[in-house]
Amino acid sequence: MTTDSNDQPSPFARPGFIAAAVVVTLIIVAGIILAITNATSADTDPGPAPQTDAATTTPVPTPTEEPAGTTTEASICDLGGAETGTARLTTAPDVDAWEYQGTTAYPTSQTFGPGATNDTAGYRYCFQRTPEGALLAATYALAVGSDQAVVPQWIEYFTAPGPYRDQFLEQPPADRDSSSVRMRVAGFRLLSYEGDAASVDLAFVASTQGQTINASLVYDLVWSDGDWKIDTSSPEPGSFSTIPDLAGYVPWSE
């Protein structure tokens, strides 16, 4: 990815950015502002901006002695229909409606979730232990990033116990205004599902100041304490990149 006019490196190249971005969603939004600017700058090359693999430069810290995420069978809000084996998802699930958290739409379903709302903080939670539930949990994770008032409490809930949990929660807040960024979910790929773990690749369109990029965000999730949460057993729980188009993704949008 190109750099800005002051030759400052892209935020995606900073050590630890990917790990932080997957959990601290506002940092993703702040990075998108720069990514859009860089991807649509005055370069003569009309092709997509090259992707930066931040994970290759991420140092691996010494894990703390926290226990790994605990796997429980029962849904925290009693959503039934659990799928505990290997499964696939190649078509978009039927949902009841698309609602908004902040400025970004997310799907809701009485079957797949979210099945509960935190009365104090206002975030949604509790998704079915199925491929569809994992997909809706990841989609909500993207949407909640546009509601700055909810993010701190939601992060505490959405990060599973694990050796890198403290590292994720200690990341600094976004230092750029995200109010001008708009995001729209556009597609998905379920990379893997094994009952107690899932990897969801979300494609979305982000725009600001009249400029637009296609992007991909992968969430590595684990079933922990009756809900889907970010896997913190690894320093790299997912990845962010710009993509040239939405080819290969199952259409998934409001």
C-alpha atoms as a PDB file:
ATOM      1  CA  MET A   1       0.000   0.000   0.000  1.00  0.00           C
ATOM      2  CA  THR A   2       1.275   3.448  -0.799  1.00  0.00           C
ATOM      3  CA  THR A   3       2.117   5.967   1.902  1.00  0.00           C
ATOM      4  CA  ASP A   4       0.737   9.453   2.357  1.00  0.00           C
ATOM      5  CA  SER A   5       2.321  12.696   1.237  1.00  0.00           C
ATOM      6  CA  ASN A   6       4.399  12.913   4.420  1.00  0.00           C
ATOM      7  CA  ASP A   7       5.868   9.453   3.793  1.00  0.00           C
ATOM      8  CA  GLN A   8       4.279   8.115   6.964  1.00  0.00           C
ATOM      9  CA  PRO A   9       3.941   4.316   6.927  1.00  0.00           C
ATOM     10  CA  SER A  10       0.522   2.759   6.607  1.00  0.00           C
ATOM     11  CA  PRO A  11      -1.031   1.865   9.983  1.00  0.00           C
ATOM     12  CA  PHE A  12      -1.422  -1.702   8.718  1.00  0.00           C
ATOM     13  CA  ALA A  13       2.373  -2.087   8.824  1.00  0.00           C
ATOM     14  CA  ARG A  14       2.680  -1.243  12.530  1.00  0.00           C
ATOM     15  CA  PRO A  15       3.631  -4.155  14.814  1.00  0.00           C
ATOM     16  CA  GLY A  16       0.568  -5.642  16.418  1.00  0.00           C
ATOM     17  CA  PHE A  17      -1.914  -3.737  14.257  1.00  0.00           C
ATOM     18  CA  ILE A  18      -3.748  -6.757  12.901  1.00  0.00           C
ATOM     19  CA  ALA A  19      -4.220  -8.268  16.348  1.00  0.00           C
ATOM     20  CA  ALA A  20      -5.502  -4.963  17.671  1.00  0.00           C
ATOM     21  CA  ALA A  21      -7.662  -4.197  14.660  1.00  0.00           C
ATOM     22  CA  VAL A  22      -9.638  -7.398  14.809  1.00  0.00           C
ATOM     23  CA  VAL A  23     -10.626  -6.719  18.406  1.00  0.00           C
ATOM     24  CA  VAL A  24     -10.557  -2.923  18.739  1.00  0.00           C
ATOM     25  CA  THR A  25     -12.881  -2.249  15.858  1.00  0.00           C
ATOM     26  CA  LEU A  26     -12.492   1.501  15.981  1.00  0.00           C
ATOM     27  CA  ILE A  27      -8.830   1.107  15.109  1.00  0.00           C
ATOM     28  CA  ILE A  28      -9.952  -0.683  11.960  1.00  0.00           C
ATOM     29  CA  VAL A  29     -12.185   2.248  11.099  1.00  0.00           C
ATOM     30  CA  ALA A  30      -9.374   4.709  11.699  1.00  0.00           C
ATOM     31  CA  GLY A  31      -7.122   2.649   9.446  1.00  0.00           C
ATOM     32  CA  ILE A  32      -9.782   2.538   6.752  1.00  0.00           C
ATOM     33  CA  ILE A  33      -9.680   6.328   6.528  1.00  0.00           C
ATOM     34  CA  LEU A  34      -6.012   6.168   5.586  1.00  0.00           C
ATOM     35  CA  ALA A  35      -6.499   3.096   3.404  1.00  0.00           C
ATOM     36  CA  ILE A  36      -9.182   4.826   1.342  1.00  0.00           C
ATOM     37  CA  THR A  37      -7.029   7.919   0.964  1.00  0.00           C
ATOM     38  CA  ASN A  38      -4.007   5.874  -0.050  1.00  0.00           C
ATOM     39  CA  ALA A  39      -5.926   3.537  -2.360  1.00  0.00           C
ATOM     40  CA  THR A  40      -7.539   6.424  -4.233  1.00  0.00           C
ATOM     41  CA  SER A  41      -4.601   8.857  -4.187  1.00  0.00           C
ATOM     42  CA  ALA A  42      -3.153  10.448  -7.301  1.00  0.00           C
ATOM     43  CA  ASP A  43      -1.304   7.322  -8.414  1.00  0.00           C
ATOM     44  CA  THR A  44      -1.350   6.704 -12.145  1.00  0.00           C
ATOM     45  CA  ASP A  45      -1.791   2.970 -11.656  1.00  0.00           C
ATOM     46  CA  PRO A  46      -5.555   2.301 -11.881  1.00  0.00           C
ATOM     47  CA  GLY A  47      -5.265  -1.162 -10.343  1.00  0.00           C
ATOM     48  CA  PRO A  48      -6.043  -2.003  -6.720  1.00  0.00           C
ATOM     49  CA  ALA A  49      -3.637  -0.873  -4.048  1.00  0.00           C
ATOM     50  CA  PRO A  50      -1.231  -3.698  -3.110  1.00  0.00           C
ATOM     51  CA  GLN A  51      -2.008  -5.366   0.167  1.00  0.00           C
ATOM     52  CA  THR A  52       0.276  -5.099   3.163  1.00  0.00           C
ATOM     53  CA  ASP A  53       0.631  -8.247   5.204  1.00  0.00           C
ATOM     54  CA  ALA A  54       1.031  -6.752   8.643  1.00  0.00           C
ATOM     55  CA  ALA A  55       1.031 -10.181  10.238  1.00  0.00           C
ATOM     56  CA  THR A  56       4.509 -10.913   8.884  1.00  0.00           C
ATOM     57  CA  THR A  57       5.939  -8.047  10.952  1.00  0.00           C
ATOM     58  CA  THR A  58       3.983  -8.682  14.139  1.00  0.00           C
ATOM     59  CA  PRO A  59       6.271  -9.614  17.040  1.00  0.00           C
ATOM     60  CA  VAL A  60       5.069 -12.478  19.203  1.00  0.00           C
ATOM     61  CA  PRO A  61       5.000 -11.388  22.869  1.00  0.00           C
ATOM     62  CA  THR A  62       5.441 -13.772  25.736  1.00  0.00           C
ATOM     63  CA  PRO A  63       1.984 -15.135  26.570  1.00  0.00           C
ATOM     64  CA  THR A  64       0.564 -14.500  29.997  1.00  0.00           C
ATOM     65  CA  GLU A  65      -0.568 -17.385  32.130  1.00  0.00           C
ATOM     66  CA  GLU A  66      -4.283 -16.824  31.555  1.00  0.00           C
ATOM     67  CA  PRO A  67      -6.370 -19.930  30.788  1.00  0.00           C
ATOM     68  CA  ALA A  68      -7.527 -20.652  27.262  1.00  0.00           C
ATOM     69  CA  GLY A  69     -11.123 -19.900  26.304  1.00  0.00           C
ATOM     70  CA  THR A  70     -13.559 -22.245  27.983  1.00  0.00           C
ATOM     71  CA  THR A  71     -15.901 -24.163  25.726  1.00  0.00           C
ATOM     72  CA  THR A  72     -19.429 -24.729  26.996  1.00  0.00           C
ATOM     73  CA  GLU A  73     -22.293 -26.478  25.263  1.00  0.00           C
ATOM     74  CA  ALA A  74     -25.231 -24.307  26.321  1.00  0.00           C
ATOM     75  CA  SER A  75     -26.077 -20.998  24.681  1.00  0.00           C
ATOM     76  CA  ILE A  76     -25.893 -18.061  27.097  1.00  0.00           C
ATOM     77  CA  CYS A  77     -29.459 -17.071  26.112  1.00  0.00           C
ATOM     78  CA  ASP A  78     -30.761 -20.571  25.347  1.00  0.00           C
ATOM     79  CA  LEU A  79     -30.636 -20.423  21.539  1.00  0.00           C
ATOM     80  CA  GLY A  80     -31.150 -24.015  20.433  1.00  0.00           C
ATOM     81  CA  GLY A  81     -30.077 -25.942  17.343  1.00  0.00           C
ATOM     82  CA  ALA A  82     -26.333 -26.153  18.000  1.00  0.00           C
ATOM     83  CA  GLU A  83     -24.062 -27.585  15.285  1.00  0.00           C
ATOM     84  CA  THR A  84     -21.030 -29.051  17.064  1.00  0.00           C
ATOM     85  CA  GLY A  85     -19.356 -30.763  14.116  1.00  0.00           C
ATOM     86  CA  THR A  86     -17.649 -29.637  10.948  1.00  0.00           C
ATOM     87  CA  ALA A  87     -19.983 -27.685   8.662  1.00  0.00           C
ATOM     88  CA  ARG A  88     -20.066 -25.397   5.633  1.00  0.00           C
ATOM     89  CA  LEU A  89     -22.091 -22.341   4.635  1.00  0.00           C
ATOM     90  CA  THR A  90     -22.270 -21.523   0.932  1.00  0.00           C
ATOM     91  CA  THR A  91     -25.541 -19.585   0.745  1.00  0.00           C
ATOM     92  CA  ALA A  92     -26.693 -16.535   2.663  1.00  0.00           C
ATOM     93  CA  PRO A  93     -28.977 -17.420   5.583  1.00  0.00           C
ATOM     94  CA  ASP A  94     -32.479 -16.009   5.797  1.00  0.00           C
ATOM     95  CA  VAL A  95     -32.700 -13.330   8.478  1.00  0.00           C
ATOM     96  CA  ASP A  96     -35.598 -11.425   9.997  1.00  0.00           C
ATOM     97  CA  ALA A  97     -34.292  -7.895   9.456  1.00  0.00           C
ATOM     98  CA  TRP A  98     -31.244  -5.666   9.204  1.00  0.00           C
ATOM     99  CA  GLU A  99     -30.868  -3.199  12.029  1.00  0.00           C
ATOM    100  CA  TYR A 100     -28.276  -0.515  12.787  1.00  0.00           C
ATOM    101  CA  GLN A 101     -25.566  -0.217  15.408  1.00  0.00           C
ATOM    102  CA  GLY A 102     -24.193   3.269  14.920  1.00  0.00           C
ATOM    103  CA  THR A 103     -24.163   3.854  11.165  1.00  0.00           C
ATOM    104  CA  THR A 104     -23.630   0.246  10.017  1.00  0.00           C
ATOM    105  CA  ALA A 105     -26.339  -2.341   9.344  1.00  0.00           C
ATOM    106  CA  TYR A 106     -26.230  -5.860  10.776  1.00  0.00           C
ATOM    107  CA  PRO A 107     -28.640  -8.817  10.379  1.00  0.00           C
ATOM    108  CA  THR A 108     -30.893 -10.088  13.143  1.00  0.00           C
ATOM    109  CA  SER A 109     -32.635 -13.436  13.505  1.00  0.00           C
ATOM    110  CA  GLN A 110     -34.700 -15.074  16.223  1.00  0.00           C
ATOM    111  CA  THR A 111     -32.950 -18.322  15.290  1.00  0.00           C
ATOM    112  CA  PHE A 112     -29.323 -17.246  14.790  1.00  0.00           C
ATOM    113  CA  GLY A 113     -29.109 -14.151  17.026  1.00  0.00           C
ATOM    114  CA  PRO A 114     -28.384 -11.746  18.466  1.00  0.00           C
ATOM    115  CA  GLY A 115     -30.604 -13.119  21.191  1.00  0.00           C
ATOM    116  CA  ALA A 116     -29.911 -10.614  23.957  1.00  0.00           C
ATOM    117  CA  THR A 117     -29.013  -6.983  24.617  1.00  0.00           C
ATOM    118  CA  ASN A 118     -26.863  -5.610  27.400  1.00  0.00           C
ATOM    119  CA  ASP A 119     -29.230  -3.291  29.277  1.00  0.00           C
ATOM    120  CA  THR A 120     -26.455  -1.010  30.537  1.00  0.00           C
ATOM    121  CA  ALA A 121     -24.088  -0.683  27.569  1.00  0.00           C
ATOM    122  CA  GLY A 122     -26.574  -1.332  24.758  1.00  0.00           C
ATOM    123  CA  TYR A 123     -24.582  -3.849  22.733  1.00  0.00           C
ATOM    124  CA  ARG A 124     -26.113  -7.047  21.314  1.00  0.00           C
ATOM    125  CA  TYR A 125     -24.822 -10.550  22.008  1.00  0.00           C
ATOM    126  CA  CYS A 126     -25.680 -14.269  22.096  1.00  0.00           C
ATOM    127  CA  PHE A 127     -25.432 -15.978  18.699  1.00  0.00           C
ATOM    128  CA  GLN A 128     -26.370 -19.539  17.832  1.00  0.00           C
ATOM    129  CA  ARG A 129     -23.685 -22.215  17.843  1.00  0.00           C
ATOM    130  CA  THR A 130     -23.976 -22.789  14.098  1.00  0.00           C
ATOM    131  CA  PRO A 131     -22.214 -21.504  10.972  1.00  0.00           C
ATOM    132  CA  GLU A 132     -25.023 -18.980  10.584  1.00  0.00           C
ATOM    133  CA  GLY A 133     -24.605 -17.827  14.168  1.00  0.00           C
ATOM    134  CA  ALA A 134     -20.864 -17.365  13.702  1.00  0.00           C
ATOM    135  CA  LEU A 135     -21.510 -15.338  10.546  1.00  0.00           C
ATOM    136  CA  LEU A 136     -23.998 -13.065  12.290  1.00  0.00           C
ATOM    137  CA  ALA A 137     -21.618 -12.607  15.233  1.00  0.00           C
ATOM    138  CA  ALA A 138     -18.807 -11.507  12.902  1.00  0.00           C
ATOM    139  CA  THR A 139     -21.140  -9.181  11.008  1.00  0.00           C
ATOM    140  CA  TYR A 140     -22.276  -7.558  14.222  1.00  0.00           C
ATOM    141  CA  ALA A 141     -18.639  -7.166  15.283  1.00  0.00           C
ATOM    142  CA  LEU A 142     -18.024  -5.049  12.198  1.00  0.00           C
ATOM    143  CA  ALA A 143     -21.167  -2.972  12.736  1.00  0.00           C
ATOM    144  CA  VAL A 144     -20.518  -2.205  16.386  1.00  0.00           C
ATOM    145  CA  GLY A 145     -17.323  -0.379  15.433  1.00  0.00           C
ATOM    146  CA  SER A 146     -19.392   2.542  14.220  1.00  0.00           C
ATOM    147  CA  ASP A 147     -20.900   3.085  17.685  1.00  0.00           C
ATOM    148  CA  GLN A 148     -18.106   4.540  19.773  1.00  0.00           C
ATOM    149  CA  ALA A 149     -20.225   4.722  22.929  1.00  0.00           C
ATOM    150  CA  VAL A 150     -20.718   0.944  22.937  1.00  0.00           C
ATOM    151  CA  VAL A 151     -17.307  -0.331  21.855  1.00  0.00           C
ATOM    152  CA  PRO A 152     -15.386  -0.339  25.198  1.00  0.00           C
ATOM    153  CA  GLN A 153     -17.952  -2.488  27.014  1.00  0.00           C
ATOM    154  CA  TRP A 154     -18.533  -4.705  23.985  1.00  0.00           C
ATOM    155  CA  ILE A 155     -14.806  -5.425  23.619  1.00  0.00           C
ATOM    156  CA  GLU A 156     -14.641  -6.654  27.206  1.00  0.00           C
ATOM    157  CA  TYR A 157     -17.447  -9.107  26.428  1.00  0.00           C
ATOM    158  CA  PHE A 158     -16.413 -10.169  22.928  1.00  0.00           C
ATOM    159  CA  THR A 159     -12.808 -11.172  23.713  1.00  0.00           C
ATOM    160  CA  ALA A 160     -12.558 -14.771  24.908  1.00  0.00           C
ATOM    161  CA  PRO A 161     -10.247 -15.724  27.773  1.00  0.00           C
ATOM    162  CA  GLY A 162      -6.773 -16.529  26.502  1.00  0.00           C
ATOM    163  CA  PRO A 163      -3.061 -15.711  26.773  1.00  0.00           C
ATOM    164  CA  TYR A 164      -3.279 -12.637  24.534  1.00  0.00           C
ATOM    165  CA  ARG A 165      -6.510 -11.135  25.868  1.00  0.00           C
ATOM    166  CA  ASP A 166      -4.781  -8.457  27.948  1.00  0.00           C
ATOM    167  CA  GLN A 167      -2.661  -7.458  24.965  1.00  0.00           C
ATOM    168  CA  PHE A 168      -5.762  -6.824  22.851  1.00  0.00           C
ATOM    169  CA  LEU A 169      -7.561  -4.876  25.555  1.00  0.00           C
ATOM    170  CA  GLU A 170      -4.536  -2.653  26.209  1.00  0.00           C
ATOM    171  CA  GLN A 171      -4.432  -1.336  22.642  1.00  0.00           C
ATOM    172  CA  PRO A 172      -4.854   2.464  22.524  1.00  0.00           C
ATOM    173  CA  PRO A 173      -8.104   3.913  21.137  1.00  0.00           C
ATOM    174  CA  ALA A 174      -8.288   5.181  17.588  1.00  0.00           C
ATOM    175  CA  ASP A 175      -6.562   8.544  17.194  1.00  0.00           C
ATOM    176  CA  ARG A 176      -8.439   9.557  14.046  1.00  0.00           C
ATOM    177  CA  ASP A 177     -11.996  10.738  13.541  1.00  0.00           C
ATOM    178  CA  SER A 178     -14.104   7.845  12.242  1.00  0.00           C
ATOM    179  CA  SER A 179     -17.363   9.780  11.976  1.00  0.00           C
ATOM    180  CA  SER A 180     -16.934  10.358   8.238  1.00  0.00           C
ATOM    181  CA  VAL A 181     -16.459   6.655   7.426  1.00  0.00           C
ATOM    182  CA  ARG A 182     -19.401   4.556   6.235  1.00  0.00           C
ATOM    183  CA  MET A 183     -19.228   0.771   5.969  1.00  0.00           C
ATOM    184  CA  ARG A 184     -21.576  -1.665   4.273  1.00  0.00           C
ATOM    185  CA  VAL A 185     -21.325  -5.446   4.516  1.00  0.00           C
ATOM    186  CA  ALA A 186     -21.224  -6.901   1.001  1.00  0.00           C
ATOM    187  CA  GLY A 187     -20.375 -10.605   1.223  1.00  0.00           C
ATOM    188  CA  PHE A 188     -18.861 -13.450   3.204  1.00  0.00           C
ATOM    189  CA  ARG A 189     -16.878 -16.659   3.040  1.00  0.00           C
ATOM    190  CA  LEU A 190     -16.991 -19.200   5.851  1.00  0.00           C
ATOM    191  CA  LEU A 191     -13.373 -20.321   5.813  1.00  0.00           C
ATOM    192  CA  SER A 192     -13.853 -22.996   8.456  1.00  0.00           C
ATOM    193  CA  TYR A 193     -16.308 -24.245  11.066  1.00  0.00           C
ATOM    194  CA  GLU A 194     -15.694 -26.987  13.616  1.00  0.00           C
ATOM    195  CA  GLY A 195     -18.358 -26.464  16.269  1.00  0.00           C
ATOM    196  CA  ASP A 196     -16.103 -24.830  18.839  1.00  0.00           C
ATOM    197  CA  ALA A 197     -14.220 -22.576  16.378  1.00  0.00           C
ATOM    198  CA  ALA A 198     -15.009 -20.682  13.196  1.00  0.00           C
ATOM    199  CA  SER A 199     -13.191 -18.404  10.768  1.00  0.00           C
ATOM    200  CA  VAL A 200     -15.385 -15.872   8.941  1.00  0.00           C
ATOM    201  CA  ASP A 201     -14.160 -13.681   6.083  1.00  0.00           C
ATOM    202  CA  LEU A 202     -16.359 -10.599   5.683  1.00  0.00           C
ATOM    203  CA  ALA A 203     -16.204  -8.447   2.562  1.00  0.00           C
ATOM    204  CA  PHE A 204     -17.382  -4.873   2.983  1.00  0.00           C
ATOM    205  CA  VAL A 205     -17.372  -1.537   1.218  1.00  0.00           C
ATOM    206  CA  ALA A 206     -15.948   1.444   3.075  1.00  0.00           C
ATOM    207  CA  SER A 207     -16.170   5.047   1.972  1.00  0.00           C
ATOM    208  CA  THR A 208     -15.221   8.488   3.207  1.00  0.00           C
ATOM    209  CA  GLN A 209     -14.985  11.922   1.600  1.00  0.00           C
ATOM    210  CA  GLY A 210     -16.323  10.562  -1.681  1.00  0.00           C
ATOM    211  CA  GLN A 211     -13.718   7.803  -1.933  1.00  0.00           C
ATOM    212  CA  THR A 212     -14.428   4.077  -1.695  1.00  0.00           C
ATOM    213  CA  ILE A 213     -12.542   0.806  -1.239  1.00  0.00           C
ATOM    214  CA  ASN A 214     -13.485  -2.876  -1.055  1.00  0.00           C
ATOM    215  CA  ALA A 215     -12.011  -4.595   1.974  1.00  0.00           C
ATOM    216  CA  SER A 216     -11.868  -7.956   3.716  1.00  0.00           C
ATOM    217  CA  LEU A 217     -11.810  -8.655   7.433  1.00  0.00           C
ATOM    218  CA  VAL A 218     -11.316 -12.166   8.799  1.00  0.00           C
ATOM    219  CA  TYR A 219     -12.597 -12.980  12.289  1.00  0.00           C
ATOM    220  CA  ASP A 220     -11.249 -16.058  14.089  1.00  0.00           C
ATOM    221  CA  LEU A 221     -13.929 -16.994  16.608  1.00  0.00           C
ATOM    222  CA  VAL A 222     -14.241 -19.542  19.409  1.00  0.00           C
ATOM    223  CA  TRP A 223     -17.298 -20.794  21.256  1.00  0.00           C
ATOM    224  CA  SER A 224     -16.651 -19.527  24.770  1.00  0.00           C
ATOM    225  CA  ASP A 225     -19.018 -19.304  27.742  1.00  0.00           C
ATOM    226  CA  GLY A 226     -22.068 -19.872  25.590  1.00  0.00           C
ATOM    227  CA  ASP A 227     -21.385 -17.414  22.772  1.00  0.00           C
ATOM    228  CA  TRP A 228     -19.077 -16.660  19.833  1.00  0.00           C
ATOM    229  CA  LYS A 229     -16.070 -14.528  20.776  1.00  0.00           C
ATOM    230  CA  ILE A 230     -12.692 -13.512  19.356  1.00  0.00           C
ATOM    231  CA  ASP A 231     -10.019 -16.187  19.791  1.00  0.00           C
ATOM    232  CA  THR A 232      -7.215 -14.797  21.968  1.00  0.00           C
ATOM    233  CA  SER A 233      -5.054 -17.908  22.035  1.00  0.00           C
ATOM    234  CA  SER A 234      -3.008 -16.437  19.169  1.00  0.00           C
ATOM    235  CA  PRO A 235      -1.449 -12.977  18.679  1.00  0.00           C
ATOM    236  CA  GLU A 236      -2.974 -12.925  15.193  1.00  0.00           C
ATOM    237  CA  PRO A 237      -6.716 -13.669  15.491  1.00  0.00           C
ATOM    238  CA  GLY A 238      -7.507 -12.510  11.976  1.00  0.00           C
ATOM    239  CA  SER A 239      -6.484 -10.204   9.165  1.00  0.00           C
ATOM    240  CA  PHE A 240      -7.507  -7.058   7.288  1.00  0.00           C
ATOM    241  CA  SER A 241      -6.784  -6.268   3.637  1.00  0.00           C
ATOM    242  CA  THR A 242      -8.102  -4.290   0.711  1.00  0.00           C
ATOM    243  CA  ILE A 243      -9.485  -6.407  -2.147  1.00  0.00           C
ATOM    244  CA  PRO A 244      -9.966  -5.541  -5.845  1.00  0.00           C
ATOM    245  CA  ASP A 245     -13.574  -6.757  -6.007  1.00  0.00           C
ATOM    246  CA  LEU A 246     -16.096  -9.079  -4.385  1.00  0.00           C
ATOM    247  CA  ALA A 247     -15.439 -12.118  -6.567  1.00  0.00           C
ATOM    248  CA  GLY A 248     -15.607 -15.378  -4.611  1.00  0.00           C
ATOM    249  CA  TYR A 249     -17.800 -14.016  -1.831  1.00  0.00           C
ATOM    250  CA  VAL A 250     -21.374 -15.064  -1.131  1.00  0.00           C
ATOM    251  CA  PRO A 251     -23.493 -11.875  -1.469  1.00  0.00           C
ATOM    252  CA  TRP A 252     -24.526 -10.685   1.986  1.00  0.00           C
ATOM    253  CA  SER A 253     -25.979  -7.230   2.493  1.00  0.00           C
ATOM    254  CA  GLU A 254     -28.895  -5.190   3.780  1.00  0.00           C
END
